[in-house]
């Protein structure tokens, strides 16, 4: 009860003092302090328009006043903000944010694709080409990884290098075509792959290497073209790393061939990897294609030419008893051979004779002559009487 009476007495005393203060119409920037009955400057962070005001007004959020005794507040500059009332200063926007307007209560985070490394900025900066930023409020951008690129500014992501291209370095604005002799089938790669043996690629920026065609080969990796098989060799398959020798009985005079040629009748080849076939020598023949050897002419036949497919029968009046001969032999005097292809001649029968060689038949003895023996070259005159 005693405390309540003391408080009531103090209030009555102060009211008496205030009631006695006769100040009015405070100048701009000041207000009337009724306790002291004085004009008092509005403190920093507040303002007073003057007149019959007894207290200053706090600056609104987004405004400030750093000096006392002011009649107005100032909007926060672009790049700054003030979230609370009655503050003497605005705060700069933090890194990763900006504010382009005046009188703002907060700053805006940098959008994805942009950044701000400094404080108090009015805008964020686009990420440079070759970099990106996926998050808001970033203070830096991130270099594109190897295998990716970004050609535009202000981007949230990087793009994978397309198939046929690569990028081995970070922070790049483009990708590089795979060079001839290489390829890349996948996207987002840091290198291209050498063409394997049996394949080649003559062009830039290719997804795959080409198999060597039949008749060609490539034993090395990373090559721009395939090699023709040399003469005497062939390759029937695609994607080969070597060529194959022509087999016996075949040959190939040209390069870059998928097969060898069988030796024609009348020729042969007993070696591998040859560019041509050999004519059968005189005295031999070959009727079939693809032969590895020739055959001797049979007895009773001959062949005087090379490269023959057959042998010829000895004509009538001749014979040949040996195989592989280039000519036949005339029947000797006293003999004959009426047939072709014979291995011997026949002695002239009694009553006949033959004085010449190479005759098909013997001659009958003329009247008045006779021959009692065989194989004779002449008939003899009959004795008188």
Protein backbone atom coordinates (compact mmCIF):
# COMPACT_ATOMS: atom_id res chain seq x y z
CA UNK A 1 0.00 0.00 0.00
CA UNK A 2 2.88 2.33 0.75
CA UNK A 3 4.52 1.57 -2.67
CA UNK A 4 1.31 2.32 -4.59
CA UNK A 5 0.99 5.68 -2.86
CA UNK A 6 4.60 6.58 -3.76
CA UNK A 7 4.04 5.75 -7.44
CA UNK A 8 0.88 7.87 -7.55
CA UNK A 9 2.70 10.83 -6.00
CA UNK A 10 5.51 10.63 -8.60
CA UNK A 11 3.01 10.62 -11.46
CA UNK A 12 1.21 13.69 -10.13
CA UNK A 13 4.51 15.53 -9.68
CA UNK A 14 5.68 14.80 -13.24
CA UNK A 15 2.32 15.76 -14.66
CA UNK A 16 2.59 19.05 -12.94
CA UNK A 17 5.96 19.71 -14.52
CA UNK A 18 4.78 18.68 -18.03
CA UNK A 19 1.78 20.76 -17.74
CA UNK A 20 4.00 23.74 -17.04
CA UNK A 21 6.16 23.19 -20.33
CA UNK A 22 4.97 25.77 -22.85
CA UNK A 23 7.28 24.81 -25.83
CA UNK A 24 5.64 24.16 -29.18
CA UNK A 25 6.48 24.00 -32.94
CA UNK A 26 9.88 22.19 -32.77
CA UNK A 27 12.17 22.87 -35.74
CA UNK A 28 12.48 20.11 -38.38
CA UNK A 29 14.87 17.43 -37.11
CA UNK A 30 13.91 18.08 -33.48
CA UNK A 31 11.15 17.13 -31.13
CA UNK A 32 9.88 18.47 -27.73
CA UNK A 33 11.25 16.61 -24.74
CA UNK A 34 8.45 17.26 -22.25
CA UNK A 35 10.50 16.09 -19.27
CA UNK A 36 13.26 18.62 -19.86
CA UNK A 37 10.99 21.00 -21.77
CA UNK A 38 13.71 21.33 -24.44
CA UNK A 39 14.00 20.85 -28.21
CA UNK A 40 16.02 17.66 -28.74
CA UNK A 41 17.65 16.40 -31.97
CA UNK A 42 16.15 13.23 -33.34
CA UNK A 43 18.89 10.59 -32.81
CA UNK A 44 20.54 8.72 -35.68
CA UNK A 45 18.19 6.04 -37.05
CA UNK A 46 15.19 8.33 -36.53
CA UNK A 47 13.76 11.57 -37.87
CA UNK A 48 11.40 14.33 -36.81
CA UNK A 49 9.41 16.58 -39.13
CA UNK A 50 9.27 19.23 -36.36
CA UNK A 51 6.16 20.86 -34.97
CA UNK A 52 4.40 19.70 -31.85
CA UNK A 53 5.94 16.20 -31.78
CA UNK A 54 7.21 14.85 -28.52
CA UNK A 55 9.20 11.88 -29.82
CA UNK A 56 11.24 10.99 -32.93
CA UNK A 57 10.00 8.52 -35.55
CA UNK A 58 12.18 5.45 -36.30
CA UNK A 59 13.32 5.09 -39.90
CA UNK A 60 11.33 2.37 -41.63
CA UNK A 61 12.93 -0.90 -42.75
CA UNK A 62 14.72 -0.23 -46.03
CA UNK A 63 15.67 3.29 -44.89
CA UNK A 64 18.40 4.77 -42.70
CA UNK A 65 19.61 8.02 -41.17
CA UNK A 66 23.18 8.20 -39.99
CA UNK A 67 23.04 11.79 -38.70
CA UNK A 68 21.09 13.11 -35.67
CA UNK A 69 18.72 16.03 -36.01
CA UNK A 70 17.32 15.06 -39.39
CA UNK A 71 13.80 15.55 -40.66
CA UNK A 72 13.73 12.60 -43.03
CA UNK A 73 15.22 9.13 -43.63
CA UNK A 74 17.13 8.02 -46.71
CA UNK A 75 16.29 4.95 -48.78
CA UNK A 76 19.01 2.31 -48.69
CA UNK A 77 21.17 2.51 -51.80
CA UNK A 78 21.10 -0.23 -54.43
CA UNK A 79 23.47 -2.96 -53.30
CA UNK A 80 22.41 -2.49 -49.64
CA UNK A 81 19.42 -3.32 -47.46
CA UNK A 82 17.98 -2.81 -43.97
CA UNK A 83 15.61 -5.36 -42.46
CA UNK A 84 14.89 -3.55 -39.13
CA UNK A 85 13.41 -0.16 -38.24
CA UNK A 86 15.33 2.67 -36.61
CA UNK A 87 18.80 1.85 -37.93
CA UNK A 88 21.51 4.41 -38.61
CA UNK A 89 23.09 2.49 -41.47
CA UNK A 90 22.15 0.01 -44.24
CA UNK A 91 24.04 -3.23 -44.66
CA UNK A 92 25.79 -4.23 -47.89
CA UNK A 93 24.43 -7.23 -49.71
CA UNK A 94 26.46 -10.30 -48.82
CA UNK A 95 28.55 -12.27 -51.31
CA UNK A 96 26.31 -14.42 -53.47
CA UNK A 97 23.52 -11.81 -53.50
CA UNK A 98 22.68 -8.41 -54.99
CA UNK A 99 20.04 -5.70 -54.93
CA UNK A 100 19.33 -3.46 -57.93
CA UNK A 101 16.61 -1.37 -56.26
CA UNK A 102 16.82 1.32 -53.55
CA UNK A 103 14.99 1.15 -50.23
CA UNK A 104 14.95 -2.61 -49.94
CA UNK A 105 14.62 -4.77 -46.85
CA UNK A 106 16.61 -7.71 -48.21
CA UNK A 107 18.96 -8.74 -51.00
CA UNK A 108 18.21 -11.30 -53.70
CA UNK A 109 20.29 -14.47 -53.97
CA UNK A 110 22.15 -14.82 -57.26
CA UNK A 111 20.18 -17.07 -59.57
CA UNK A 112 21.64 -20.35 -60.90
CA UNK A 113 24.05 -19.55 -63.72
CA UNK A 114 25.26 -16.39 -61.95
CA UNK A 115 27.53 -15.48 -59.03
CA UNK A 116 28.79 -12.57 -56.97
CA UNK A 117 32.13 -12.70 -55.19
CA UNK A 118 31.93 -9.21 -53.65
CA UNK A 119 29.63 -7.51 -51.14
CA UNK A 120 27.35 -4.55 -51.79
CA UNK A 121 26.69 -5.26 -55.44
CA UNK A 122 23.69 -4.21 -57.48
CA UNK A 123 23.69 -7.27 -59.76
CA UNK A 124 25.15 -10.75 -60.09
CA UNK A 125 27.57 -11.75 -62.84
CA UNK A 126 26.91 -14.37 -65.45
CA UNK A 127 29.12 -17.43 -65.25
CA UNK A 128 31.66 -17.22 -68.04
CA UNK A 129 31.56 -19.59 -71.01
CA UNK A 130 33.30 -22.80 -69.98
CA UNK A 131 31.81 -22.66 -66.47
CA UNK A 132 28.45 -23.15 -64.76
CA UNK A 133 26.61 -22.78 -61.46
CA UNK A 134 23.66 -25.03 -60.59
CA UNK A 135 22.85 -23.41 -57.24
CA UNK A 136 21.40 -20.06 -56.19
CA UNK A 137 23.39 -17.67 -54.00
CA UNK A 138 26.78 -18.71 -55.34
CA UNK A 139 29.97 -16.74 -54.87
CA UNK A 140 31.86 -18.50 -57.68
CA UNK A 141 31.21 -20.58 -60.78
CA UNK A 142 32.52 -24.07 -61.43
CA UNK A 143 34.66 -25.06 -64.43
CA UNK A 144 33.10 -27.56 -66.78
CA UNK A 145 34.58 -31.01 -66.19
CA UNK A 146 36.76 -32.69 -68.83
CA UNK A 147 34.47 -34.35 -71.33
CA UNK A 148 32.01 -31.45 -71.13
CA UNK A 149 31.80 -27.87 -72.44
CA UNK A 150 29.71 -24.72 -72.29
CA UNK A 151 29.78 -22.19 -75.12
CA UNK A 152 27.27 -19.76 -73.54
CA UNK A 153 27.51 -17.47 -70.52
CA UNK A 154 25.18 -17.64 -67.52
CA UNK A 155 24.48 -21.35 -67.65
CA UNK A 156 23.35 -23.74 -64.93
CA UNK A 157 24.98 -26.85 -66.44
CA UNK A 158 27.63 -27.94 -68.92
CA UNK A 159 26.93 -30.14 -71.92
CA UNK A 160 28.53 -33.48 -72.66
CA UNK A 161 30.81 -33.57 -75.66
CA UNK A 162 28.86 -35.35 -78.41
CA UNK A 163 29.97 -38.67 -79.85
CA UNK A 164 32.84 -38.15 -82.29
CA UNK A 165 34.34 -35.40 -80.12
CA UNK A 166 36.29 -35.12 -76.86
CA UNK A 167 37.65 -32.60 -74.33
CA UNK A 168 40.56 -33.45 -72.05
CA UNK A 169 40.77 -30.09 -70.23
CA UNK A 170 38.38 -28.48 -67.70
CA UNK A 171 36.64 -25.16 -68.28
CA UNK A 172 36.35 -25.35 -72.05
CA UNK A 173 33.91 -23.66 -74.41
CA UNK A 174 33.88 -26.36 -77.07
CA UNK A 175 34.88 -29.94 -77.81
CA UNK A 176 37.46 -31.21 -80.27
CA UNK A 177 36.80 -33.48 -83.23
CA UNK A 178 38.37 -36.91 -83.03
CA UNK A 179 41.34 -36.93 -85.40
CA UNK A 180 41.65 -39.28 -88.39
CA UNK A 181 42.72 -42.70 -87.18
CA UNK A 182 40.53 -42.39 -84.05
CA UNK A 183 36.84 -42.45 -83.13
CA UNK A 184 34.53 -42.05 -80.13
CA UNK A 185 31.11 -43.73 -79.95
CA UNK A 186 30.12 -42.27 -76.56
CA UNK A 187 29.30 -38.75 -75.40
CA UNK A 188 31.05 -36.93 -72.56
CA UNK A 189 34.49 -38.40 -73.20
CA UNK A 190 37.96 -37.04 -72.42
CA UNK A 191 39.74 -38.73 -75.31
CA UNK A 192 39.17 -40.59 -78.56
CA UNK A 193 40.06 -44.21 -79.11
CA UNK A 194 42.63 -45.35 -81.65
CA UNK A 195 41.19 -47.42 -84.46
CA UNK A 196 42.05 -51.05 -83.69
CA UNK A 197 44.08 -53.18 -86.05
CA UNK A 198 41.92 -54.23 -88.99
CA UNK A 199 40.10 -50.86 -89.02
CA UNK A 200 40.83 -47.31 -90.14
CA UNK A 201 39.25 -43.85 -90.27
CA UNK A 202 40.31 -41.12 -92.75
CA UNK A 203 37.91 -38.43 -91.47
CA UNK A 204 37.64 -36.10 -88.44
CA UNK A 205 34.89 -36.34 -85.82
CA UNK A 206 33.76 -39.91 -86.41
CA UNK A 207 31.79 -42.19 -84.12
CA UNK A 208 33.47 -45.40 -85.26
CA UNK A 209 36.25 -46.78 -87.40
CA UNK A 210 35.62 -48.62 -90.66
CA UNK A 211 36.54 -52.26 -91.13
CA UNK A 212 39.14 -52.87 -93.79
CA UNK A 213 37.39 -54.15 -96.91
CA UNK A 214 38.16 -57.57 -98.41
CA UNK A 215 41.42 -57.33 -100.30
CA UNK A 216 42.89 -54.91 -97.74
CA UNK A 217 44.39 -55.14 -94.26
CA UNK A 218 45.83 -53.04 -91.43
CA UNK A 219 48.19 -54.52 -88.80
CA UNK A 220 48.62 -51.27 -86.80
CA UNK A 221 46.29 -49.26 -84.51
CA UNK A 222 45.30 -45.63 -85.07
CA UNK A 223 45.55 -45.66 -88.84
CA UNK A 224 43.78 -43.48 -91.40
CA UNK A 225 43.50 -46.09 -94.14
CA UNK A 226 43.90 -49.77 -94.91
CA UNK A 227 46.61 -51.29 -97.08
CA UNK A 228 46.10 -53.27 -100.26
CA UNK A 229 47.13 -56.89 -100.09
CA UNK A 230 50.31 -57.22 -102.20
CA UNK A 231 50.39 -59.27 -105.40
CA UNK A 232 50.60 -62.97 -104.59
CA UNK A 233 48.34 -62.55 -101.55
CA UNK A 234 44.62 -62.13 -100.85
CA UNK A 235 42.12 -61.46 -98.07
CA UNK A 236 38.53 -62.66 -98.36
CA UNK A 237 37.28 -61.21 -95.06
CA UNK A 238 36.62 -57.67 -93.84
CA UNK A 239 38.52 -56.26 -90.84
CA UNK A 240 41.71 -58.22 -91.46
CA UNK A 241 45.09 -57.52 -89.89
CA UNK A 242 47.09 -59.42 -92.54
CA UNK A 243 46.79 -61.09 -95.94
CA UNK A 244 47.08 -64.73 -96.93
CA UNK A 245 49.50 -66.25 -99.43
CA UNK A 246 47.91 -67.60 -102.58
CA UNK A 247 47.82 -71.38 -102.31
CA UNK A 248 49.62 -73.81 -104.62
CA UNK A 249 47.76 -74.03 -107.89
CA UNK A 250 46.73 -70.36 -107.72
CA UNK A 251 48.26 -66.92 -108.28
CA UNK A 252 47.36 -63.24 -108.12
CA UNK A 253 49.16 -60.62 -110.22
CA UNK A 254 47.17 -57.66 -108.83
CA UNK A 255 47.18 -55.89 -105.45
CA UNK A 256 44.13 -55.44 -103.22
CA UNK A 257 42.38 -58.67 -104.15
CA UNK A 258 39.86 -60.72 -102.20
CA UNK A 259 40.82 -64.02 -103.82
CA UNK A 260 43.48 -65.71 -105.90
CA UNK A 261 43.00 -67.06 -109.43
CA UNK A 262 43.25 -70.75 -110.18
CA UNK A 263 45.97 -71.60 -112.65
CA UNK A 264 44.42 -72.07 -116.09
CA UNK A 265 44.66 -75.38 -117.95
CA UNK A 266 48.10 -75.66 -119.47
CA UNK A 267 49.75 -73.97 -116.47
CA UNK A 268 50.66 -74.86 -112.89
CA UNK A 269 52.07 -73.41 -109.66
CA UNK A 270 53.80 -75.54 -107.05
CA UNK A 271 54.66 -72.63 -104.68
CA UNK A 272 52.55 -70.41 -102.43
CA UNK A 273 52.29 -66.61 -102.64
CA UNK A 274 52.97 -66.34 -106.35
CA UNK A 275 51.96 -63.64 -108.77
CA UNK A 276 51.53 -65.86 -111.81
CA UNK A 277 51.34 -69.47 -112.94
CA UNK A 278 53.96 -71.26 -115.03
CA UNK A 279 53.36 -72.75 -118.46
CA UNK A 280 53.71 -76.50 -118.65
CA UNK A 281 57.01 -77.21 -120.42
CA UNK A 282 57.16 -78.89 -123.86
CA UNK A 283 56.58 -82.62 -123.47
CA UNK A 284 54.00 -82.06 -120.71
CA UNK A 285 50.38 -80.98 -120.42
CA UNK A 286 47.70 -80.06 -117.88
CA UNK A 287 44.01 -80.39 -118.71
CA UNK A 288 42.67 -79.09 -115.39
CA UNK A 289 42.59 -75.65 -113.71
CA UNK A 290 44.30 -75.07 -110.36
CA UNK A 291 47.07 -77.60 -110.93
CA UNK A 292 50.22 -77.81 -108.88
CA UNK A 293 52.15 -79.78 -111.54
CA UNK A 294 51.99 -80.89 -115.16
CA UNK A 295 51.81 -84.42 -116.55
CA UNK A 296 54.21 -86.04 -119.00
CA UNK A 297 52.84 -86.76 -122.42
CA UNK A 298 52.05 -90.49 -122.59
CA UNK A 299 54.07 -92.85 -124.83
CA UNK A 300 52.65 -92.58 -128.32
CA UNK A 301 52.14 -88.83 -127.94
CA UNK A 302 54.16 -85.61 -127.82
CA UNK A 303 53.92 -81.87 -127.24
CA UNK A 304 56.32 -79.44 -128.85
CA UNK A 305 54.74 -76.30 -127.37
CA UNK A 306 54.71 -74.93 -123.80
CA UNK A 307 51.47 -74.25 -121.91
CA UNK A 308 49.57 -77.10 -123.56
CA UNK A 309 46.34 -78.54 -122.24
CA UNK A 310 46.76 -81.84 -124.18
CA UNK A 311 49.39 -83.84 -126.00
CA UNK A 312 49.16 -84.86 -129.66
CA UNK A 313 49.21 -88.42 -130.90
CA UNK A 314 52.18 -89.38 -132.97
CA UNK A 315 51.08 -89.35 -136.64
CA UNK A 316 51.06 -92.45 -138.84
CA UNK A 317 54.62 -93.33 -139.83
CA UNK A 318 55.99 -92.22 -136.45
CA UNK A 319 56.15 -93.56 -132.91
CA UNK A 320 57.23 -92.56 -129.40
CA UNK A 321 58.09 -95.18 -126.82
CA UNK A 322 59.03 -92.74 -124.00
CA UNK A 323 56.82 -90.41 -121.91
CA UNK A 324 57.26 -86.62 -121.78
CA UNK A 325 58.63 -86.16 -125.28
CA UNK A 326 58.51 -83.09 -127.46
CA UNK A 327 58.45 -85.01 -130.79
CA UNK A 328 57.81 -88.43 -132.30
CA UNK A 329 60.36 -90.57 -134.15
CA UNK A 330 60.08 -91.63 -137.79
CA UNK A 331 59.65 -95.32 -138.40
CA UNK A 332 62.94 -96.57 -139.84
CA UNK A 333 63.36 -98.06 -143.36
CA UNK A 334 61.98 -101.58 -143.41
CA UNK A 335 59.21 -100.62 -141.00
CA UNK A 336 55.93 -98.75 -141.06
CA UNK A 337 53.08 -97.65 -138.80
CA UNK A 338 49.64 -97.10 -140.27
CA UNK A 339 48.06 -95.96 -136.96
CA UNK A 340 48.37 -92.79 -134.89
CA UNK A 341 49.60 -92.63 -131.30
CA UNK A 342 51.76 -95.73 -131.41
CA UNK A 343 54.72 -96.67 -129.27
CA UNK A 344 56.56 -98.70 -131.96
CA UNK A 345 56.72 -99.37 -135.67
CA UNK A 346 55.98 -102.69 -137.46
CA UNK A 347 58.46 -104.57 -139.64
CA UNK A 348 57.48 -104.85 -143.26
CA UNK A 349 55.97 -108.29 -143.88
CA UNK A 350 57.52 -110.78 -146.38
CA UNK A 351 56.54 -109.78 -149.88
CA UNK A 352 56.85 -106.08 -148.92
CA UNK A 353 59.58 -103.57 -148.31
CA UNK A 354 60.12 -99.93 -147.38
CA UNK A 355 63.19 -98.01 -148.32
CA UNK A 356 62.12 -94.73 -146.75
CA UNK A 357 61.78 -93.61 -143.09
CA UNK A 358 58.53 -92.36 -141.55
CA UNK A 359 56.18 -94.34 -143.73
CA UNK A 360 52.68 -95.40 -142.83
CA UNK A 361 52.84 -98.63 -144.82
CA UNK A 362 55.20 -100.96 -146.67
CA UNK A 363 55.18 -101.40 -150.44
CA UNK A 364 54.34 -104.71 -152.14
CA UNK A 365 57.17 -106.19 -154.21
CA UNK A 366 56.65 -105.47 -157.91
CA UNK A 367 56.22 -108.26 -160.42
CA UNK A 368 59.53 -109.97 -161.03
CA UNK A 369 60.70 -109.16 -157.55
CA UNK A 370 60.28 -110.90 -154.26
CA UNK A 371 61.16 -110.60 -150.59
CA UNK A 372 61.12 -113.63 -148.36
CA UNK A 373 62.26 -111.81 -145.21
CA UNK A 374 60.52 -109.27 -142.95
CA UNK A 375 61.64 -105.74 -142.14
CA UNK A 376 63.38 -105.32 -145.49
CA UNK A 377 64.10 -102.11 -147.26
CA UNK A 378 63.87 -103.53 -150.82
CA UNK A 379 62.63 -106.44 -152.86
CA UNK A 380 65.07 -108.55 -154.97
CA UNK A 381 64.71 -109.59 -158.57
CA UNK A 382 63.65 -113.10 -159.21
CA UNK A 383 66.36 -115.24 -160.89
CA UNK A 384 65.95 -115.96 -164.60
CA UNK A 385 63.79 -118.92 -165.43
